Amino acid sequence: MNDLRIEPASAADLAAVLDFWKAAAEGTSISDDLDGVERLHARDPGALLLARRDGGLVGTVIAGFDGWRCHLYRLAVHPDHRRQGIGSALLGAAEERFAALGGRRADAMVLDRNEGGRRAWEAGGYHPEDHWTRWVKPLNG
């Protein structure tokens, strides 16, 4: 693992991140386009963390902090690099970011049908809160 580097994405990385998510992430989001990730990067350049090995992108996580809550999205590890501690390293980096910003608790968006993802989150010490339901409303009409 000592050859693994985790660092914030640069603006030049954003298109490659979208391609990476097509291969490595489960599900899609309304924000999974260049405009969406550019807005994220412009608002909080440190939120999108990338894991690289030998110069290649092997994992991502979005560690967003709004000043009140810490939110985790898009924890994804390339299928060829899973079960090597990359997801755990990304979560550790996200949690360090949150602690430095004064965050107190992190939450994650995890698809119910993503069994592998659920196991990864559980291994990281996360658990579902059954007393919450996510309510959404698309804002684009």
Protein backbone atom coordinates (compact mmCIF):
# COMPACT_ATOMS: atom_id res chain seq x y z
CA MET A 1 0.00 0.00 0.00
CA ASN A 2 2.97 2.35 0.35
CA ASP A 3 2.72 3.19 -3.37
CA LEU A 4 -0.86 4.45 -2.93
CA ARG A 5 -1.29 8.24 -3.03
CA ILE A 6 -4.49 9.99 -1.97
CA GLU A 7 -4.93 13.63 -2.89
CA PRO A 8 -7.63 16.08 -3.93
CA ALA A 9 -8.62 16.07 -7.58
CA SER A 10 -7.42 18.86 -9.83
CA ALA A 11 -9.65 20.49 -12.44
CA ALA A 12 -7.73 18.51 -15.08
CA ASP A 13 -8.80 15.22 -13.41
CA LEU A 14 -12.56 15.73 -13.59
CA ALA A 15 -13.33 14.20 -17.00
CA ALA A 16 -11.23 11.14 -16.12
CA VAL A 17 -13.13 10.80 -12.83
CA LEU A 18 -16.43 10.63 -14.72
CA ASP A 19 -15.03 7.88 -16.95
CA PHE A 20 -13.68 6.08 -13.89
CA TRP A 21 -17.12 6.11 -12.22
CA LYS A 22 -18.62 4.40 -15.28
CA ALA A 23 -16.30 1.44 -14.67
CA ALA A 24 -16.02 1.46 -10.88
CA ALA A 25 -19.09 3.04 -9.27
CA GLU A 26 -22.49 1.49 -8.68
CA GLY A 27 -25.44 3.52 -9.93
CA THR A 28 -25.56 7.01 -11.33
CA SER A 29 -26.52 10.40 -10.03
CA ILE A 30 -28.17 13.44 -11.53
CA SER A 31 -24.85 15.22 -10.91
CA ASP A 32 -22.69 12.68 -12.79
CA ASP A 33 -21.71 15.02 -15.57
CA LEU A 34 -18.85 17.42 -16.18
CA ASP A 35 -20.92 20.43 -15.11
CA GLY A 36 -21.79 18.73 -11.82
CA VAL A 37 -18.25 17.75 -10.86
CA GLU A 38 -16.91 21.13 -11.99
CA ARG A 39 -19.38 22.84 -9.63
CA LEU A 40 -18.31 20.56 -6.79
CA HIS A 41 -14.63 21.28 -7.49
CA ALA A 42 -15.16 25.04 -7.76
CA ARG A 43 -17.09 25.17 -4.47
CA ASP A 44 -14.82 22.83 -2.50
CA PRO A 45 -11.59 21.84 -4.29
CA GLY A 46 -10.61 19.47 -1.48
CA ALA A 47 -13.80 17.42 -1.43
CA LEU A 48 -13.11 14.98 -4.27
CA LEU A 49 -10.31 12.69 -3.13
CA LEU A 50 -8.51 10.45 -5.60
CA ALA A 51 -6.46 7.34 -4.90
CA ARG A 52 -3.67 6.71 -7.38
CA ARG A 53 -1.30 3.81 -7.77
CA ASP A 54 1.55 3.95 -10.28
CA GLY A 55 0.01 7.14 -11.67
CA GLY A 56 -3.32 5.47 -12.45
CA LEU A 57 -6.65 6.31 -10.84
CA VAL A 58 -7.77 3.39 -8.65
CA GLY A 59 -10.33 4.96 -6.29
CA THR A 60 -12.43 7.99 -5.37
CA VAL A 61 -14.53 9.39 -2.60
CA ILE A 62 -16.33 12.70 -2.24
CA ALA A 63 -15.89 14.04 1.30
CA GLY A 64 -18.19 17.05 1.42
CA PHE A 65 -18.58 19.26 4.48
CA ASP A 66 -21.23 21.97 4.52
CA GLY A 67 -20.17 23.45 7.86
CA TRP A 68 -22.78 21.38 9.69
CA ARG A 69 -22.53 17.79 8.50
CA CYS A 70 -19.98 15.56 6.82
CA HIS A 71 -21.27 13.72 3.76
CA LEU A 72 -19.61 10.90 1.83
CA TYR A 73 -20.45 10.04 -1.76
CA ARG A 74 -18.95 8.08 -4.61
CA LEU A 75 -16.67 5.74 -2.69
CA ALA A 76 -15.50 3.69 -5.64
CA VAL A 77 -12.53 1.40 -6.20
CA HIS A 78 -11.68 0.01 -9.62
CA PRO A 79 -12.74 -3.66 -9.82
CA ASP A 80 -9.15 -4.76 -10.56
CA HIS A 81 -7.92 -3.11 -7.34
CA ARG A 82 -10.57 -4.11 -4.81
CA ARG A 83 -9.80 -5.89 -1.54
CA GLN A 84 -6.42 -4.18 -1.27
CA GLY A 85 -7.29 -1.56 1.38
CA ILE A 86 -7.88 1.30 -1.05
CA GLY A 87 -11.45 1.94 0.10
CA SER A 88 -10.31 1.95 3.72
CA ALA A 89 -7.50 4.37 2.89
CA LEU A 90 -9.94 6.68 1.10
CA LEU A 91 -12.32 6.62 4.07
CA GLY A 92 -9.42 7.33 6.42
CA ALA A 93 -8.39 10.34 4.32
CA ALA A 94 -11.98 11.59 4.22
CA GLU A 95 -12.33 11.24 7.99
CA GLU A 96 -9.05 13.12 8.52
CA ARG A 97 -10.37 15.91 6.29
CA PHE A 98 -13.59 16.07 8.29
CA ALA A 99 -11.76 16.15 11.61
CA ALA A 100 -9.54 19.00 10.38
CA LEU A 101 -12.67 20.94 9.35
CA GLY A 102 -14.36 20.38 12.72
CA GLY A 103 -16.80 17.71 11.56
CA ARG A 104 -18.39 15.50 14.19
CA ARG A 105 -20.10 12.68 12.30
CA ALA A 106 -19.98 11.41 8.75
CA ASP A 107 -22.85 9.96 6.79
CA ALA A 108 -22.80 8.09 3.51
CA MET A 109 -25.19 7.54 0.64
CA VAL A 110 -25.20 3.78 -0.07
CA LEU A 111 -27.48 2.06 -2.56
CA ASP A 112 -29.54 -0.62 -0.85
CA ARG A 113 -28.95 -3.06 -3.71
CA ASN A 114 -25.16 -2.63 -3.62
CA GLU A 115 -24.21 -5.56 -1.39
CA GLY A 116 -20.47 -5.19 -1.99
CA GLY A 117 -20.66 -1.51 -1.18
CA ARG A 118 -22.65 -2.16 1.97
CA ARG A 119 -20.00 -4.63 3.15
CA ALA A 120 -17.25 -2.07 2.46
CA TRP A 121 -19.05 0.61 4.47
CA GLU A 122 -19.66 -1.80 7.35
CA ALA A 123 -15.97 -2.74 7.33
CA GLY A 124 -15.21 0.97 7.66
CA GLY A 125 -17.35 1.19 10.81
CA TYR A 126 -20.47 2.70 9.18
CA HIS A 127 -23.99 1.39 9.70
CA PRO A 128 -27.46 2.24 8.41
CA GLU A 129 -29.81 4.25 10.57
CA ASP A 130 -33.17 2.63 10.09
CA HIS A 131 -35.10 5.57 11.52
CA TRP A 132 -34.20 7.88 8.59
CA THR A 133 -35.57 7.95 5.07
CA ARG A 134 -33.99 10.04 2.35
CA TRP A 135 -36.44 12.43 0.71
CA VAL A 136 -35.51 13.91 -2.66
CA LYS A 137 -36.86 16.32 -5.23
CA PRO A 138 -35.10 16.90 -8.56
CA LEU A 139 -34.68 20.64 -9.09
CA ASN A 140 -34.43 20.58 -12.87
CA GLY A 141 -38.15 20.49 -13.53
